[in-house]
Protein backbone atom coordinates (compact mmCIF):
# COMPACT_ATOMS: atom_id res chain seq x y z
CA MET A 1 7.34 -11.09 -21.81
CA ILE A 2 8.36 -8.46 -19.82
CA ASP A 3 8.31 -5.05 -20.37
CA SER A 4 6.99 -1.85 -18.74
CA SER A 5 3.83 -2.85 -17.70
CA THR A 6 4.87 -5.88 -15.88
CA ARG A 7 4.79 -6.19 -12.22
CA ILE A 8 8.21 -6.12 -10.42
CA ARG A 9 8.72 -6.64 -6.30
CA VAL A 10 12.59 -6.18 -4.57
CA ALA A 11 12.31 -8.44 -1.99
CA ARG A 12 14.60 -7.35 0.80
CA PRO A 13 15.02 -8.15 4.97
CA SER A 14 15.66 -4.96 7.09
CA ARG A 15 16.31 -5.68 10.87
CA ASP A 16 13.62 -2.96 11.66
CA LEU A 17 10.72 -1.99 10.02
CA ALA A 18 10.32 1.89 11.31
CA ALA A 19 13.78 2.38 10.29
CA ALA A 20 13.26 1.25 6.12
CA GLU A 21 10.00 2.70 6.64
CA ARG A 22 11.92 6.10 7.73
CA PHE A 23 14.27 5.88 5.26
CA TYR A 24 12.32 5.14 2.08
CA VAL A 25 9.30 6.63 2.97
CA ASP A 26 10.44 9.85 4.76
CA GLY A 27 13.93 10.17 3.00
CA LEU A 28 13.44 9.45 -0.53
CA GLY A 29 9.35 10.55 -0.96
CA LEU A 30 8.13 6.89 -1.93
CA ASP A 31 5.29 5.92 -0.29
CA VAL A 32 3.48 3.15 1.50
CA LEU A 33 1.82 0.75 -0.43
CA TRP A 34 1.02 -1.61 2.43
CA ARG A 35 2.08 -3.41 5.97
CA THR A 36 1.30 -5.87 8.56
CA THR A 37 -0.27 -4.43 10.57
CA GLU A 38 -0.45 -7.17 13.31
CA ARG A 39 2.09 -10.75 14.60
CA VAL A 40 0.56 -13.31 13.12
CA SER A 41 2.89 -16.13 14.05
CA GLY A 42 5.37 -18.26 11.93
CA GLU A 43 4.57 -15.39 8.95
CA HIS A 44 7.34 -12.43 8.26
CA ASP A 45 6.06 -8.76 9.09
CA LEU A 46 6.02 -7.11 5.71
CA LEU A 47 6.92 -3.16 4.72
CA MET A 48 5.82 -2.54 0.93
CA VAL A 49 6.87 0.81 -0.56
CA GLY A 50 7.32 2.31 -3.92
CA PRO A 51 5.48 5.33 -5.96
CA PRO A 52 1.51 4.84 -5.88
CA ALA A 53 0.91 4.03 -9.87
CA GLY A 54 3.92 2.87 -10.15
CA THR A 55 4.88 -1.23 -11.90
CA TRP A 56 7.15 -2.13 -9.22
CA HIS A 57 7.72 -2.22 -4.96
CA PHE A 58 9.91 -2.15 -2.15
CA GLU A 59 9.20 -5.63 0.09
CA ILE A 60 11.26 -4.87 3.18
CA THR A 61 10.52 -8.34 5.02
CA ARG A 62 11.78 -9.71 9.19
CA ASP A 63 10.56 -12.43 10.33
CA PRO A 64 10.77 -11.54 14.31
CA GLU A 65 11.08 -15.41 14.46
CA HIS A 66 14.15 -16.57 12.91
CA PRO A 67 15.86 -12.75 11.06
CA ARG A 68 17.74 -13.01 8.79
CA GLU A 69 20.36 -10.59 8.54
CA PRO A 70 21.19 -8.37 5.47
CA THR A 71 23.90 -8.85 3.58
CA PRO A 72 24.15 -5.66 0.24
CA THR A 73 27.37 -5.73 -0.48
CA VAL A 74 28.75 -2.46 -2.41
CA ASP A 75 27.54 -3.60 -5.58
CA ASP A 76 23.59 -4.14 -4.63
CA LEU A 77 22.38 -0.40 -5.79
CA PHE A 78 18.92 0.67 -6.41
CA VAL A 79 19.94 3.31 -8.91
CA VAL A 80 16.89 6.70 -9.25
CA TYR A 81 17.47 8.39 -12.50
CA LEU A 82 17.00 12.49 -11.67
CA GLY A 83 17.95 14.13 -14.72
CA THR A 84 18.45 16.93 -12.65
CA PRO A 85 21.88 17.29 -10.71
CA VAL A 86 20.74 15.58 -7.02
CA SER A 87 19.99 18.52 -4.12
CA GLU A 88 21.74 19.07 -1.17
CA GLU A 89 17.71 18.91 0.50
CA GLN A 90 17.54 15.39 -1.25
CA THR A 91 20.73 14.10 0.45
CA GLU A 92 19.45 16.15 4.15
CA ARG A 93 16.51 14.67 4.00
CA LEU A 94 17.82 11.34 3.55
CA LEU A 95 21.18 11.18 6.18
CA ALA A 96 18.29 13.14 8.31
CA ALA A 97 15.86 9.55 8.03
CA GLY A 98 18.44 7.76 8.81
CA GLY A 99 21.05 7.37 6.14
CA THR A 100 24.28 7.47 5.90
CA ARG A 101 26.64 8.84 3.14
CA VAL A 102 29.43 6.47 1.26
CA THR A 103 32.14 6.93 -0.79
CA ALA A 104 30.25 4.96 -4.55
CA HIS A 105 32.60 1.48 -5.08
CA ASN A 106 32.27 2.63 -8.77
CA PRO A 107 33.29 5.51 -9.16
CA TYR A 108 31.19 7.15 -12.26
CA TRP A 109 28.05 6.66 -9.77
CA ASP A 110 30.38 9.69 -8.08
CA GLN A 111 30.45 11.39 -10.70
CA HIS A 112 27.15 11.10 -11.42
CA GLY A 113 25.51 11.05 -8.53
CA VAL A 114 25.36 10.40 -4.37
CA THR A 115 25.46 7.00 -2.99
CA ILE A 116 24.22 6.89 -0.15
CA ALA A 117 23.11 4.00 2.93
CA ASP A 118 20.05 2.72 4.14
CA PRO A 119 19.88 1.39 8.34
CA ASP A 120 20.03 -1.64 6.77
CA GLY A 121 22.75 -0.95 4.13
CA TYR A 122 22.16 -1.37 0.79
CA ARG A 123 23.24 1.19 -1.25
CA LEU A 124 20.58 4.17 -2.42
CA VAL A 125 21.89 5.61 -5.59
CA LEU A 126 20.92 9.56 -6.61
CA CYS A 127 21.95 9.51 -9.91
CA ALA A 128 22.17 13.26 -12.11
CA ARG A 129 21.73 11.98 -16.00
CA SER A 130 19.03 10.18 -17.76
CA TRP A 131 17.99 6.82 -18.27
CA ASN A 132 16.66 6.56 -21.74
CA ALA A 133 16.28 2.72 -22.75
């Protein structure tokens, strides 16, 4: 039913779509795949970011009429397996784009990478390890 070509969307609420875009596009290097360009009453404002030819993307939403507060926990992780050590430049770029370096709830992630909270508090882990499923 699900294989490597299946399209996946992860949706998250945001307090501020511009701040989320800075973090995920300027900081992490994802592309804007789509966004709403005008306010439509009764509809969410949307920002979709991801790799241009990828099979997954984030849909970051904001409902100005009924805003939802993001509710991330310390175990809500977006893990990127780099396969190489995390460079200081990668970390600094994410911090400059609105991220906050945090201690991982699971020490495994601090041993093998860097954990950075996005502007809404969701955690991104840059992992130096590889993933071979």
